[in-house]
């Protein structure tokens, strides 16, 4: 039976031990096979496989990979006018799941759908936003997924997609910010190429902080509680988020980053910890945070909510910042009146 359609994706910055085969066989593809798709490496010496790939993607180069997923039937999609059904959504879903599994600058460069139309097989290009990126091919932090990872990833992907929050309103915002961030070029040698920090925090805030006050504190405390960290692990997590959140604030408020902030971003080990932490938090949120807004807010508040002492400290800081003595005294009198009438 001929397939109803074949989805192919041109991929860069993907590594695997499945591509390191030491064999005189130059015909068989170097493949990493998952439950419902494969990843083929376009290696030097396998010109036949490379020529086949170039028929679909003219921009393919040696070192690239081709993801291929075969569909026996077209999965239906409400209000679909393209004729491709849910296949049009598959590249973004797949990219999201791969990026959530592990850090690495994985890039989807182009998407093609092969479908029989008027008795002929035809190739259609697809360019969904958040998926296609011109960046890629020279990353020093490539995405790596080995053969031993395959069964683990298959279970991981199935589990996340089955969570009630996968289609929730809050995660739709979080996934958009995460995909934009992980697609954005990150080069800490240039202050103009570190916006990934702000986009990652937007994804975390969309997941863990629906409130508009004490955002940084809520994020740090809830992150530690969500991951069930204690002791030194909790302290290190909060410290890492605090340092990176300060950089995020500098970026979003339009100020130049300081030399010290750039040094933080240039610390490769520290940055990798942050990349991993972002993914751990988004995955934990999908597994634990309720999908409906009321239950979600209640759950997040149970993880952490500022108490009266914290709020009083904030008020004290604001009052101390008032320089006009008359204004300060007036405010204190108003507060005394308010407290007496409660």
Protein backbone atom coordinates (compact mmCIF):
# COMPACT_ATOMS: atom_id res chain seq x y z
CA UNK A 1 0.00 0.00 0.00
CA UNK A 2 1.41 3.35 -1.04
CA UNK A 3 1.75 5.97 1.71
CA UNK A 4 -0.71 8.84 1.74
CA UNK A 5 2.11 11.31 2.38
CA UNK A 6 5.74 11.55 3.45
CA UNK A 7 7.04 14.36 5.64
CA UNK A 8 10.72 15.26 5.25
CA UNK A 9 12.69 17.83 7.22
CA UNK A 10 16.18 19.12 6.49
CA UNK A 11 18.07 19.25 9.80
CA UNK A 12 21.40 20.71 10.93
CA UNK A 13 23.50 20.45 14.09
CA UNK A 14 22.35 16.88 14.88
CA UNK A 15 24.87 14.29 16.10
CA UNK A 16 24.49 10.59 16.95
CA UNK A 17 26.60 7.49 17.38
CA UNK A 18 24.36 5.96 14.68
CA UNK A 19 26.18 8.18 12.20
CA UNK A 20 29.66 6.93 13.15
CA UNK A 21 29.47 3.52 11.46
CA UNK A 22 32.87 2.15 10.46
CA UNK A 23 31.93 -0.07 7.55
CA UNK A 24 32.80 -0.57 3.86
CA UNK A 25 29.05 -0.35 3.14
CA UNK A 26 28.56 2.99 1.38
CA UNK A 27 25.03 2.25 0.18
CA UNK A 28 22.97 1.70 3.33
CA UNK A 29 21.83 4.90 5.02
CA UNK A 30 23.28 6.04 8.35
CA UNK A 31 20.01 6.16 10.27
CA UNK A 32 18.65 6.70 13.72
CA UNK A 33 15.21 5.06 13.85
CA UNK A 34 12.40 6.09 16.21
CA UNK A 35 8.91 4.64 16.62
CA UNK A 36 7.40 6.66 13.77
CA UNK A 37 10.23 8.51 12.02
CA UNK A 38 13.89 8.21 11.09
CA UNK A 39 16.88 10.56 10.99
CA UNK A 40 19.40 9.95 8.18
CA UNK A 41 22.86 11.51 8.14
CA UNK A 42 24.17 12.77 4.79
CA UNK A 43 27.75 11.63 5.09
CA UNK A 44 30.70 12.00 2.75
CA UNK A 45 31.15 8.89 0.64
CA UNK A 46 27.43 8.23 0.31
CA UNK A 47 26.83 10.29 -2.81
CA UNK A 48 23.76 8.29 -3.84
CA UNK A 49 21.96 9.16 -0.59
CA UNK A 50 23.09 12.76 -0.90
CA UNK A 51 21.77 13.04 -4.47
CA UNK A 52 18.39 11.69 -3.34
CA UNK A 53 18.25 14.32 -0.62
CA UNK A 54 19.15 17.11 -3.03
CA UNK A 55 16.14 16.21 -5.18
CA UNK A 56 13.94 17.24 -2.24
CA UNK A 57 16.12 19.94 -0.65
CA UNK A 58 18.36 21.75 -3.12
CA UNK A 59 20.18 23.42 -0.23
CA UNK A 60 21.18 20.16 1.46
CA UNK A 61 24.87 19.79 2.33
CA UNK A 62 27.09 16.98 3.52
CA UNK A 63 26.76 16.80 7.31
CA UNK A 64 23.04 17.63 7.24
CA UNK A 65 20.35 15.15 8.30
CA UNK A 66 16.96 14.27 6.84
CA UNK A 67 14.03 13.44 9.12
CA UNK A 68 11.44 11.29 7.38
CA UNK A 69 7.99 10.31 8.63
CA UNK A 70 5.62 8.18 6.52
CA UNK A 71 1.84 8.57 6.83
CA UNK A 72 -0.51 5.76 5.81
CA UNK A 73 -3.43 8.20 6.00
CA UNK A 74 -3.69 11.97 6.29
CA UNK A 75 -4.47 12.79 9.95
CA UNK A 76 -7.56 15.03 9.97
CA UNK A 77 -7.41 18.62 11.16
CA UNK A 78 -10.53 20.80 11.69
CA UNK A 79 -10.83 23.66 9.20
CA UNK A 80 -7.96 22.31 7.14
CA UNK A 81 -7.88 23.74 3.62
CA UNK A 82 -4.42 22.55 2.64
CA UNK A 83 -5.19 18.86 2.27
CA UNK A 84 -2.27 17.94 4.55
CA UNK A 85 -4.24 17.76 7.81
CA UNK A 86 -2.17 17.59 10.99
CA UNK A 87 1.01 16.95 9.02
CA UNK A 88 1.45 20.73 8.88
CA UNK A 89 1.66 20.78 12.70
CA UNK A 90 4.07 17.85 13.01
CA UNK A 91 7.39 19.68 12.39
CA UNK A 92 6.83 22.13 15.23
CA UNK A 93 5.65 19.39 17.60
CA UNK A 94 8.68 17.26 16.77
CA UNK A 95 11.15 20.12 17.11
CA UNK A 96 9.63 21.11 20.45
CA UNK A 97 9.86 17.57 21.85
CA UNK A 98 13.45 17.11 20.70
CA UNK A 99 14.52 20.44 22.15
CA UNK A 100 12.73 19.78 25.43
CA UNK A 101 14.54 16.46 25.77
CA UNK A 102 18.06 17.91 25.74
CA UNK A 103 19.94 21.17 25.08
CA UNK A 104 21.71 21.66 21.77
CA UNK A 105 21.34 24.01 18.82
CA UNK A 106 19.16 21.69 16.72
CA UNK A 107 17.86 23.48 13.61
CA UNK A 108 15.09 22.60 11.17
CA UNK A 109 16.12 24.28 7.91
CA UNK A 110 13.34 23.28 5.50
CA UNK A 111 10.21 21.13 5.37
CA UNK A 112 8.73 19.20 2.45
CA UNK A 113 5.60 17.07 2.15
CA UNK A 114 5.37 14.47 -0.61
CA UNK A 115 1.77 13.72 -1.56
CA UNK A 116 0.07 12.07 -4.49
CA UNK A 117 -1.98 14.56 -6.44
CA UNK A 118 -3.70 13.77 -9.74
CA UNK A 119 -1.93 10.39 -9.84
CA UNK A 120 1.50 11.98 -9.51
CA UNK A 121 3.80 12.32 -6.52
CA UNK A 122 4.45 15.99 -5.87
CA UNK A 123 6.67 17.84 -3.41
CA UNK A 124 5.21 20.74 -1.43
CA UNK A 125 7.34 23.11 0.64
CA UNK A 126 6.06 24.03 4.09
CA UNK A 127 7.31 26.95 6.12
CA UNK A 128 5.68 26.95 9.57
CA UNK A 129 6.87 29.75 11.83
CA UNK A 130 9.06 28.91 14.85
CA UNK A 131 10.40 25.89 12.96
CA UNK A 132 12.31 27.08 9.91
CA UNK A 133 15.57 28.86 10.72
CA UNK A 134 18.44 30.08 8.59
CA UNK A 135 20.81 29.66 11.52
CA UNK A 136 22.70 26.41 11.83
CA UNK A 137 25.52 24.24 10.63
CA UNK A 138 28.36 25.63 12.69
CA UNK A 139 27.22 25.33 16.31
CA UNK A 140 29.77 24.35 18.94
CA UNK A 141 26.91 22.93 21.02
CA UNK A 142 25.21 20.52 18.61
CA UNK A 143 22.19 18.48 19.58
CA UNK A 144 23.19 14.88 20.28
CA UNK A 145 20.89 11.91 20.53
CA UNK A 146 22.37 8.42 20.48
CA UNK A 147 20.83 5.01 19.77
CA UNK A 148 20.43 4.29 23.48
CA UNK A 149 18.33 7.45 23.79
CA UNK A 150 15.74 6.35 21.24
CA UNK A 151 13.41 4.23 23.45
CA UNK A 152 13.74 6.77 26.26
CA UNK A 153 12.86 9.64 23.93
CA UNK A 154 9.88 7.76 22.46
CA UNK A 155 8.41 7.31 25.96
CA UNK A 156 9.31 10.91 26.88
CA UNK A 157 7.53 12.32 23.81
CA UNK A 158 4.43 10.17 24.27
CA UNK A 159 4.17 11.10 27.94
CA UNK A 160 4.44 14.86 27.41
CA UNK A 161 1.92 14.91 24.58
CA UNK A 162 -0.54 12.98 26.74
CA UNK A 163 -0.44 15.50 29.60
CA UNK A 164 -3.52 17.68 29.97
CA UNK A 165 -1.35 20.81 29.94
CA UNK A 166 0.17 20.07 26.51
CA UNK A 167 -2.73 21.93 24.87
CA UNK A 168 -3.36 24.38 27.73
CA UNK A 169 -3.45 28.13 27.17
CA UNK A 170 -0.47 28.74 29.44
CA UNK A 171 1.71 26.18 27.69
CA UNK A 172 0.85 27.56 24.25
CA UNK A 173 2.52 30.80 25.33
CA UNK A 174 5.42 29.01 27.01
CA UNK A 175 6.17 26.78 24.02
CA UNK A 176 6.10 29.74 21.64
CA UNK A 177 8.63 31.65 23.74
CA UNK A 178 10.79 28.56 24.23
CA UNK A 179 10.85 27.78 20.51
CA UNK A 180 11.67 31.36 19.61
CA UNK A 181 14.44 31.36 22.22
CA UNK A 182 15.96 28.03 21.23
CA UNK A 183 15.85 29.07 17.56
CA UNK A 184 17.50 32.42 18.24
CA UNK A 185 21.24 32.51 17.64
CA UNK A 186 23.18 32.65 20.90
CA UNK A 187 26.71 34.04 20.82
CA UNK A 188 27.89 35.58 24.11
CA UNK A 189 30.80 37.26 22.35
CA UNK A 190 28.33 39.81 21.00
CA UNK A 191 25.78 41.66 23.22
CA UNK A 192 23.35 41.76 20.29
CA UNK A 193 23.12 37.95 20.10
CA UNK A 194 22.03 36.96 23.61
CA UNK A 195 18.28 37.64 23.45
CA UNK A 196 17.71 33.94 24.10
CA UNK A 197 17.97 34.77 27.82
CA UNK A 198 14.89 37.01 27.74
CA UNK A 199 12.87 34.55 25.65
CA UNK A 200 13.68 31.65 27.97
CA UNK A 201 12.52 33.63 30.99
CA UNK A 202 9.34 34.58 29.15
CA UNK A 203 8.68 30.83 28.73
CA UNK A 204 9.34 30.19 32.43
CA UNK A 205 7.16 33.09 33.56
CA UNK A 206 4.33 31.90 31.30
CA UNK A 207 4.55 28.53 33.03
CA UNK A 208 5.15 29.45 36.66
CA UNK A 209 4.24 33.10 37.35
CA UNK A 210 0.77 34.27 36.29
CA UNK A 211 0.97 37.11 38.85
CA UNK A 212 2.50 40.51 38.11
CA UNK A 213 4.27 41.19 41.43
CA UNK A 214 7.34 39.58 43.03
CA UNK A 215 7.94 37.89 39.67
CA UNK A 216 11.64 37.11 40.13
CA UNK A 217 11.15 35.84 43.69
CA UNK A 218 8.12 33.73 42.76
CA UNK A 219 10.02 32.25 39.83
CA UNK A 220 13.08 31.31 41.88
CA UNK A 221 11.14 29.82 44.77
CA UNK A 222 8.61 27.96 42.64
CA UNK A 223 11.32 26.59 40.37
CA UNK A 224 13.15 25.08 43.32
CA UNK A 225 9.95 23.66 44.81
CA UNK A 226 8.68 22.30 41.49
CA UNK A 227 11.90 20.33 41.00
CA UNK A 228 11.81 19.27 44.68
CA UNK A 229 15.29 20.66 45.34
CA UNK A 230 16.58 21.05 48.88
CA UNK A 231 19.76 22.25 50.54
CA UNK A 232 22.65 23.11 48.25
CA UNK A 233 20.75 22.19 45.07
CA UNK A 234 18.00 24.67 45.95
CA UNK A 235 20.52 27.40 46.77
CA UNK A 236 22.43 26.87 43.49
CA UNK A 237 19.23 26.88 41.43
CA UNK A 238 17.95 30.09 42.97
CA UNK A 239 21.35 31.74 42.55
CA UNK A 240 21.56 30.74 38.88
CA UNK A 241 18.07 32.04 38.15
CA UNK A 242 18.76 35.26 40.04
CA UNK A 243 21.94 35.99 38.08
CA UNK A 244 20.38 35.23 34.71
CA UNK A 245 17.15 37.06 35.56
CA UNK A 246 19.17 40.23 36.21
CA UNK A 247 20.55 39.88 32.67
CA UNK A 248 17.03 39.36 31.36
CA UNK A 249 15.89 42.58 33.07
CA UNK A 250 18.76 44.52 31.55
CA UNK A 251 17.86 43.22 28.09
CA UNK A 252 14.12 43.85 28.21
CA UNK A 253 14.56 47.35 29.66
CA UNK A 254 16.82 48.34 26.79
CA UNK A 255 20.03 48.83 28.75
CA UNK A 256 23.50 47.64 27.68
CA UNK A 257 24.88 44.56 29.39
CA UNK A 258 27.79 45.12 31.75
CA UNK A 259 31.14 43.38 31.35
CA UNK A 260 30.35 41.21 34.38
CA UNK A 261 27.04 40.14 32.83
CA UNK A 262 28.76 39.22 29.58
CA UNK A 263 31.28 37.13 31.53
CA UNK A 264 28.39 35.18 33.07
CA UNK A 265 27.01 34.38 29.61
CA UNK A 266 30.49 33.40 28.37
CA UNK A 267 30.81 30.77 31.10
CA UNK A 268 30.01 27.70 28.98
CA UNK A 269 29.40 25.38 31.93
CA UNK A 270 27.11 27.86 33.65
CA UNK A 271 25.16 28.50 30.45
CA UNK A 272 24.71 24.78 29.83
CA UNK A 273 23.30 24.43 33.36
CA UNK A 274 20.82 27.18 32.57
CA UNK A 275 19.82 25.54 29.25
CA UNK A 276 19.24 22.28 31.12
CA UNK A 277 17.35 23.98 33.95
CA UNK A 278 14.96 25.71 31.53
CA UNK A 279 14.07 22.38 29.98
CA UNK A 280 13.74 20.61 33.33
CA UNK A 281 11.33 23.28 34.53
CA UNK A 282 9.17 23.25 31.39
CA UNK A 283 8.94 19.46 31.45
CA UNK A 284 8.16 19.40 35.18
CA UNK A 285 5.49 22.07 34.65
CA UNK A 286 3.84 19.97 31.94
CA UNK A 287 3.78 16.98 34.27
CA UNK A 288 2.61 18.76 37.43
CA UNK A 289 0.96 22.13 36.75
CA UNK A 290 -2.82 21.88 36.08
CA UNK A 291 -4.16 22.98 32.71
CA UNK A 292 -7.11 25.12 33.88
CA UNK A 293 -6.23 28.57 35.19
CA UNK A 294 -7.91 28.46 38.59
CA UNK A 295 -6.32 25.14 39.58
CA UNK A 296 -3.00 26.26 38.14
CA UNK A 297 -2.90 29.43 40.23
CA UNK A 298 -3.81 27.48 43.34
CA UNK A 299 -1.09 24.90 42.70
CA UNK A 300 1.58 27.51 42.00
CA UNK A 301 0.64 29.42 45.15
CA UNK A 302 1.08 26.19 47.12
CA UNK A 303 4.64 25.98 45.81
CA UNK A 304 5.38 29.51 46.97
CA UNK A 305 3.55 32.76 47.61
CA UNK A 306 5.01 35.89 49.26
CA UNK A 307 3.98 36.11 52.92
CA UNK A 308 3.10 39.29 54.82
CA UNK A 309 6.67 39.73 56.03
CA UNK A 310 7.96 39.78 52.46
CA UNK A 311 5.29 42.23 51.39
CA UNK A 312 6.00 44.45 54.41
CA UNK A 313 9.66 44.48 53.44
CA UNK A 314 8.74 45.68 49.97
CA UNK A 315 6.61 48.49 51.42
CA UNK A 316 9.47 49.51 53.74
CA UNK A 317 11.85 49.69 50.78
CA UNK A 318 9.44 51.88 48.82
CA UNK A 319 8.82 54.21 51.76
CA UNK A 320 12.56 54.56 52.38
CA UNK A 321 13.02 55.53 48.74
CA UNK A 322 10.72 58.58 49.14
CA UNK A 323 12.97 61.60 49.59
CA UNK A 324 10.34 64.28 50.26
CA UNK A 325 9.70 64.29 54.02
CA UNK A 326 6.17 65.74 53.70
CA UNK A 327 5.17 63.08 51.17
CA UNK A 328 6.60 60.36 53.40
CA UNK A 329 4.76 61.60 56.50
CA UNK A 330 1.51 61.88 54.56
CA UNK A 331 1.90 58.31 53.32
CA UNK A 332 2.64 57.01 56.83
CA UNK A 333 -0.45 58.78 58.21
CA UNK A 334 -2.59 57.28 55.45
CA UNK A 335 -1.20 53.83 56.25
CA UNK A 336 -1.98 54.28 59.95
CA UNK A 337 -5.54 55.30 59.13
CA UNK A 338 -5.95 52.35 56.80
CA UNK A 339 -4.68 49.92 59.42
CA UNK A 340 -7.01 51.29 62.11
CA UNK A 341 -10.08 50.94 59.88
CA UNK A 342 -9.42 47.31 59.05
